[in-house]
Structures are given as C-alpha cells and as structure tokens.
Amino acid sequence: MRCVCRAEAEPRASVSWTANESLTLLPHYKTLTNYTGRVAVSELTGPLTHGVSCKATNYLGYDTCHMSVQHPPSGVPPTILLDSACSEWAGGMRCVCRAEAEPRASVSWTANGSLALLPHYKTLTNYTGRVAVSELTGPLTHGVSCKATNYLGNDTCHMSVQHPPSGGTVGMIVAAVLFAVLGIGVTALCFKKRSGREPSEIRTNKYTNDNVCINESIYMNDTDTETDIYTNTMEHRTTKDNMEDIYENY
C-alpha cells in the first residue's frame, strides 16, 4: 500500500505514522517526507494493513488523521482451483495449490496446524497471468492446507494426501480385466461355431426331406404302374377270349 499525509503548520510540522496502533518502522515500512513552504508531504509504503494514521506535530500542538485503504475499482479475490491436490511422492508428499486472483495472490502453507517452513518443507511459487501455482514438498503428513490472499480477501483449501493404488489392488484389477477379455473371447468363439453349424444342419434336413418326397413319388409311381400293368393284362385276356368266341362261331 501507499499512503500520503499533507500537513500545514508554522513552524513546519514533523510527521509520524502508525499501523495497527504500532509505529511503522523499517524494514517493513518506508517513509519519506518533503516540505514545500510550510506544508509537509509525507509518504508511507509497505505491506497492506489496516488502522493506518499519520500525526503532524510542532511545539504549538499536533493533529492526527486516521486513514482507510482505498481499493482500486477492479479486482478479483482469490479462488483456489479444483485441481489443487496432494499426493505421495519420493517417499514423502508433493502438494500443488493453484489460485486465481487479481492482483495475484500470495500463497502460504500449513501442515498439522502449523506453518510449513524450512528445513522440513520446501515451497516454490510461480505465476502465469493471474494464476499463482505454489508447490509444497516434504515429509508425509496430514492436515495440509494452502491459503491464497490478496487485499480483496482470501481462500483456503484443505487437502488430503492421495495414496497410489497398492500392488494387490493393481493385481486384482489386471486379473479382472483378463477374465473379462477371456469371457468375451469364449462367448464369441461359441457363437461363431454355432453360426457355422446351423446352415449345415438345415441343408442336411432339406436333403433328407427331399429323399422322403422322392421315395414317396417312386412308391406312388410304382403303384400306378402295377395297376396299369394289371389293367392291360385283363384287357388283353378279354380280347383273346372274344377272338376265341368268334372262331367258334365260324
């Protein structure tokens, strides 16, 4: 933040600053005061805070001004993105926190309710546009959270460590997949064999039925033939008898 205090006095006044009811001192805050005539112009710069005031004093008295921080019209409070997570890594854990904000957010980490600090934990934060990507590495623990902050607000994400699947679980998954593939293959093979056999059975039945029809036709034809032969024989005998009668008459 940047604060400016102007005080007019004769003789010229000295200016002091307080923040959160404490004197603003180096190295956190810097002050610079210039004079134009009997007007003192003092400037304060440092991290964003509240309860800022300036005090102008000369031997005749003093005056105090309490200030509030004016935020710019545009800005986005921090939002921690859904792909932030922790996982086991290299015998410990690795956590990634992604936070979007305007202006860009600062990210801090806690583990088991305490700040995650060196030498046990290492943090690294990079920025891409208005997205802060912070990485925490260190020994495996619980109760990990990241907090993203800018002057518009803050957002906190509590994370649980994601454990990789165990060897037994992986083996069960692979076995289940193999059994499924084997079952599908056997079913397809049986279906293929059944599909290849049905036309042959149909052709055999058709051939058999045709033979039955042919045999029946032959039997019927034979019957008709025998009947015709019998009829012709009878007619032949009748004619012969008639001829004998004729000879007898002569």
Protein backbone atom coordinates (compact mmCIF):
# COMPACT_ATOMS: atom_id res chain seq x y z
CA MET A 1 0.00 0.00 0.00
CA ARG A 2 0.97 3.66 -0.38
CA CYS A 3 -0.28 6.43 1.92
CA VAL A 4 0.26 10.21 1.67
CA CYS A 5 -0.17 12.71 4.51
CA ARG A 6 -0.08 16.52 4.00
CA ALA A 7 0.17 18.82 6.99
CA GLU A 8 0.40 22.60 7.08
CA ALA A 9 1.97 24.34 10.06
CA GLU A 10 4.20 27.26 11.11
CA PRO A 11 6.81 26.31 12.06
CA ARG A 12 6.75 23.24 9.86
CA ALA A 13 5.49 20.04 11.42
CA SER A 14 7.18 16.67 11.75
CA VAL A 15 5.11 13.68 10.62
CA SER A 16 4.96 10.18 12.14
CA TRP A 17 2.98 7.09 11.11
CA THR A 18 1.26 4.21 12.93
CA ALA A 19 -0.28 1.00 11.59
CA ASN A 20 -2.43 -1.30 13.74
CA GLU A 21 -1.65 1.02 16.67
CA SER A 22 2.11 0.44 16.29
CA LEU A 23 4.81 2.72 14.91
CA THR A 24 5.64 1.88 11.32
CA LEU A 25 9.34 1.09 11.32
CA LEU A 26 11.87 -0.40 8.94
CA PRO A 27 12.26 -2.89 7.38
CA HIS A 28 8.52 -3.46 6.90
CA TYR A 29 7.59 0.15 6.08
CA LYS A 30 9.39 3.06 4.49
CA THR A 31 8.64 6.78 4.99
CA LEU A 32 9.74 9.85 3.07
CA THR A 33 8.85 13.45 3.99
CA ASN A 34 9.37 16.57 1.82
CA TYR A 35 8.50 20.22 2.51
CA THR A 36 7.10 22.90 0.26
CA GLY A 37 6.88 26.19 2.18
CA ARG A 38 5.13 25.37 5.43
CA VAL A 39 3.45 22.21 4.02
CA ALA A 40 4.90 18.83 4.91
CA VAL A 41 4.22 15.97 2.45
CA SER A 42 4.95 12.56 3.96
CA GLU A 43 4.63 9.22 2.14
CA LEU A 44 4.36 5.74 3.67
CA THR A 45 4.85 2.48 1.65
CA GLY A 46 4.71 -1.12 2.84
CA PRO A 47 2.54 -4.26 3.08
CA LEU A 48 -1.22 -3.91 3.09
CA THR A 49 -2.69 -3.41 6.54
CA HIS A 50 -5.43 -1.57 8.43
CA GLY A 51 -5.55 1.08 11.16
CA VAL A 52 -3.18 3.47 9.42
CA SER A 53 -2.82 7.01 10.77
CA CYS A 54 -0.43 9.96 10.44
CA LYS A 55 0.38 12.54 13.13
CA ALA A 56 1.75 16.05 12.44
CA THR A 57 3.44 17.81 15.40
CA ASN A 58 5.15 21.11 16.20
CA TYR A 59 5.73 22.92 19.51
CA LEU A 60 2.31 24.53 19.28
CA GLY A 61 0.44 21.23 19.12
CA TYR A 62 -0.39 18.25 16.91
CA ASP A 63 -3.05 16.84 14.60
CA THR A 64 -3.87 13.23 13.75
CA CYS A 65 -5.53 11.75 10.65
CA HIS A 66 -6.92 8.16 10.55
CA MET A 67 -6.92 6.66 7.06
CA SER A 68 -8.67 3.75 5.34
CA VAL A 69 -7.15 1.93 2.40
CA GLN A 70 -8.88 2.73 -0.88
CA HIS A 71 -9.09 -0.27 -3.19
CA PRO A 72 -8.95 0.13 -6.97
CA PRO A 73 -12.30 -0.31 -8.76
CA SER A 74 -11.39 -3.61 -10.40
CA GLY A 75 -10.04 -6.76 -8.84
CA VAL A 76 -10.75 -10.43 -8.20
CA PRO A 77 -10.50 -12.05 -4.76
CA PRO A 78 -8.52 -15.31 -4.62
CA THR A 79 -10.15 -18.56 -5.69
CA ILE A 80 -8.28 -21.84 -5.25
CA LEU A 81 -8.83 -24.03 -8.31
CA LEU A 82 -10.22 -27.56 -8.14
CA ASP A 83 -7.07 -29.27 -9.47
CA SER A 84 -5.16 -28.42 -6.28
CA ALA A 85 -4.17 -31.65 -4.52
CA CYS A 86 -1.56 -33.61 -2.53
CA SER A 87 -0.06 -36.99 -3.40
CA GLU A 88 2.69 -39.30 -2.18
CA TRP A 89 5.99 -38.53 -3.89
CA ALA A 90 9.58 -39.77 -3.47
CA GLY A 91 8.96 -41.23 -0.02
CA GLY A 92 7.21 -38.06 1.14
CA MET A 93 4.49 -35.89 -0.34
CA ARG A 94 4.07 -33.25 -3.01
CA CYS A 95 1.21 -30.74 -2.90
CA VAL A 96 0.21 -28.24 -5.59
CA CYS A 97 -2.06 -25.27 -4.95
CA ARG A 98 -3.40 -23.17 -7.85
CA ALA A 99 -5.08 -19.88 -7.03
CA GLU A 100 -6.56 -17.30 -9.39
CA ALA A 101 -6.77 -13.66 -8.28
CA GLU A 102 -6.34 -10.06 -9.44
CA PRO A 103 -4.00 -8.75 -8.23
CA ARG A 104 -2.08 -12.01 -7.94
CA ALA A 105 -2.38 -13.83 -4.65
CA SER A 106 0.34 -14.79 -2.21
CA VAL A 107 0.14 -18.45 -1.10
CA SER A 108 1.03 -19.85 2.32
CA TRP A 109 1.01 -23.46 3.56
CA THR A 110 0.17 -25.13 6.86
CA ALA A 111 0.70 -28.74 7.96
CA ASN A 112 -0.85 -30.16 11.14
CA GLY A 113 -2.00 -26.67 12.11
CA SER A 114 1.47 -25.08 11.83
CA LEU A 115 3.15 -23.11 9.08
CA ALA A 116 5.07 -25.39 6.73
CA LEU A 117 8.57 -23.92 6.95
CA LEU A 118 12.16 -24.86 6.21
CA PRO A 119 14.05 -27.09 6.72
CA HIS A 120 11.31 -29.72 6.82
CA TYR A 121 9.25 -28.32 3.95
CA LYS A 122 10.12 -26.51 0.75
CA THR A 123 7.80 -24.19 -1.16
CA LEU A 124 8.05 -22.72 -4.63
CA THR A 125 5.53 -20.32 -6.20
CA ASN A 126 5.33 -19.32 -9.85
CA TYR A 127 2.85 -17.08 -11.64
CA THR A 128 1.16 -17.44 -15.02
CA GLY A 129 -1.02 -14.42 -15.71
CA ARG A 130 -3.15 -14.02 -12.61
CA VAL A 131 -2.84 -17.68 -11.54
CA ALA A 132 -0.40 -18.49 -8.75
CA VAL A 133 0.96 -22.07 -8.77
CA SER A 134 2.56 -22.98 -5.44
CA GLU A 135 4.26 -26.31 -4.71
CA LEU A 136 4.98 -27.82 -1.30
CA THR A 137 7.31 -30.80 -0.84
CA GLY A 138 8.34 -32.52 2.36
CA PRO A 139 7.71 -35.47 4.69
CA LEU A 140 4.36 -37.22 4.54
CA THR A 141 1.85 -35.74 7.00
CA HIS A 142 -1.82 -34.85 7.44
CA GLY A 143 -3.80 -31.66 7.89
CA VAL A 144 -2.28 -29.89 4.88
CA SER A 145 -3.89 -26.67 3.66
CA CYS A 146 -2.98 -23.78 1.40
CA LYS A 147 -4.20 -20.21 1.75
CA ALA A 148 -4.26 -17.66 -1.07
CA THR A 149 -4.51 -13.97 -0.11
CA ASN A 150 -4.69 -10.56 -1.74
CA TYR A 151 -6.11 -7.27 -0.45
CA LEU A 152 -9.63 -8.24 -1.60
CA GLY A 153 -9.82 -11.37 0.53
CA ASN A 154 -8.54 -14.92 0.90
CA ASP A 155 -9.43 -18.52 0.14
CA THR A 156 -8.30 -21.71 1.89
CA CYS A 157 -8.18 -25.29 0.63
CA HIS A 158 -7.79 -28.28 2.97
CA MET A 159 -6.15 -31.23 1.25
CA SER A 160 -5.84 -34.94 1.93
CA VAL A 161 -2.91 -36.95 0.61
CA GLN A 162 -3.89 -39.23 -2.27
CA HIS A 163 -2.22 -42.63 -1.91
CA PRO A 164 -1.27 -44.55 -5.08
CA PRO A 165 -3.04 -47.93 -5.53
CA SER A 166 -1.24 -50.83 -3.81
CA GLY A 167 0.29 -53.75 -5.71
CA GLY A 168 -2.51 -56.10 -4.58
CA THR A 169 -5.17 -53.72 -5.86
CA VAL A 170 -3.40 -53.37 -9.20
CA GLY A 171 -3.14 -57.18 -9.49
CA MET A 172 -6.85 -57.61 -8.80
CA ILE A 173 -7.72 -55.01 -11.42
CA VAL A 174 -5.49 -56.67 -14.04
CA ALA A 175 -6.92 -60.13 -13.22
CA ALA A 176 -10.48 -58.83 -13.53
CA VAL A 177 -9.70 -57.30 -16.92
CA LEU A 178 -8.09 -60.54 -18.17
CA PHE A 179 -11.07 -62.63 -17.03
CA ALA A 180 -13.44 -60.24 -18.75
CA VAL A 181 -11.48 -60.41 -22.01
CA LEU A 182 -11.28 -64.21 -21.79
CA GLY A 183 -15.03 -64.48 -21.20
CA ILE A 184 -15.80 -62.28 -24.18
CA GLY A 185 -13.44 -64.35 -26.37
CA VAL A 186 -15.03 -67.68 -25.35
CA THR A 187 -18.53 -66.33 -25.93
CA ALA A 188 -17.59 -65.03 -29.37
CA LEU A 189 -15.98 -68.39 -30.29
CA CYS A 190 -19.05 -70.39 -29.23
CA PHE A 191 -21.32 -68.07 -31.15
CA LYS A 192 -19.13 -68.39 -34.24
CA LYS A 193 -19.18 -72.21 -34.09
CA ARG A 194 -22.94 -72.25 -33.62
CA SER A 195 -23.42 -69.87 -36.51
CA GLY A 196 -21.20 -72.06 -38.74
CA ARG A 197 -23.07 -75.31 -37.86
CA GLU A 198 -26.69 -74.27 -38.32
CA PRO A 199 -26.65 -73.92 -42.14
CA SER A 200 -25.18 -77.47 -42.46
CA GLU A 201 -27.96 -78.92 -40.32
CA ILE A 202 -30.55 -77.10 -42.37
CA ARG A 203 -29.05 -78.43 -45.59
CA THR A 204 -29.00 -82.00 -44.23
CA ASN A 205 -32.64 -81.82 -43.20
CA LYS A 206 -33.59 -80.44 -46.54
CA TYR A 207 -31.75 -83.23 -48.29
CA THR A 208 -33.44 -85.82 -46.09
CA ASN A 209 -36.86 -84.33 -46.69
CA ASP A 210 -36.22 -84.33 -50.43
CA ASN A 211 -35.30 -88.02 -50.26
CA VAL A 212 -38.54 -88.78 -48.47
CA CYS A 213 -40.50 -86.97 -51.13
CA ILE A 214 -38.64 -88.75 -53.89
CA ASN A 215 -39.21 -92.14 -52.32
CA GLU A 216 -42.89 -91.40 -51.88
CA SER A 217 -43.14 -90.38 -55.54
CA ILE A 218 -41.43 -93.56 -56.62
CA TYR A 219 -43.74 -95.66 -54.48
CA MET A 220 -46.79 -93.97 -55.91
CA ASN A 221 -45.48 -94.33 -59.45
CA ASP A 222 -44.76 -97.97 -58.84
CA THR A 223 -48.30 -98.45 -57.60
CA ASP A 224 -49.74 -96.76 -60.64
CA THR A 225 -47.50 -98.83 -62.89
CA GLU A 226 -48.58 -102.07 -61.28
CA THR A 227 -52.20 -101.01 -61.62
CA ASP A 228 -51.69 -100.15 -65.28
CA ILE A 229 -50.00 -103.48 -65.94
CA TYR A 230 -52.82 -105.33 -64.25
CA THR A 231 -55.41 -103.42 -66.24
CA ASN A 232 -53.63 -104.03 -69.52
CA THR A 233 -53.38 -107.74 -68.81
CA MET A 234 -57.06 -108.00 -68.10
CA GLU A 235 -57.91 -106.16 -71.27
CA HIS A 236 -55.57 -108.41 -73.23
CA ARG A 237 -57.21 -111.53 -71.86
CA THR A 238 -60.67 -110.16 -72.66
CA THR A 239 -59.69 -109.57 -76.24
CA LYS A 240 -58.27 -113.06 -76.58
CA ASP A 241 -61.43 -114.62 -75.24
CA ASN A 242 -63.50 -112.62 -77.68
CA MET A 243 -61.37 -113.83 -80.56
CA GLU A 244 -61.87 -117.46 -79.48
CA ASP A 245 -65.61 -116.87 -79.39
CA ILE A 246 -65.51 -115.54 -82.91
CA TYR A 247 -63.58 -118.58 -84.18
CA GLU A 248 -66.06 -120.89 -82.56
CA ASN A 249 -68.96 -119.14 -84.23
CA TYR A 250 -67.37 -119.62 -87.64
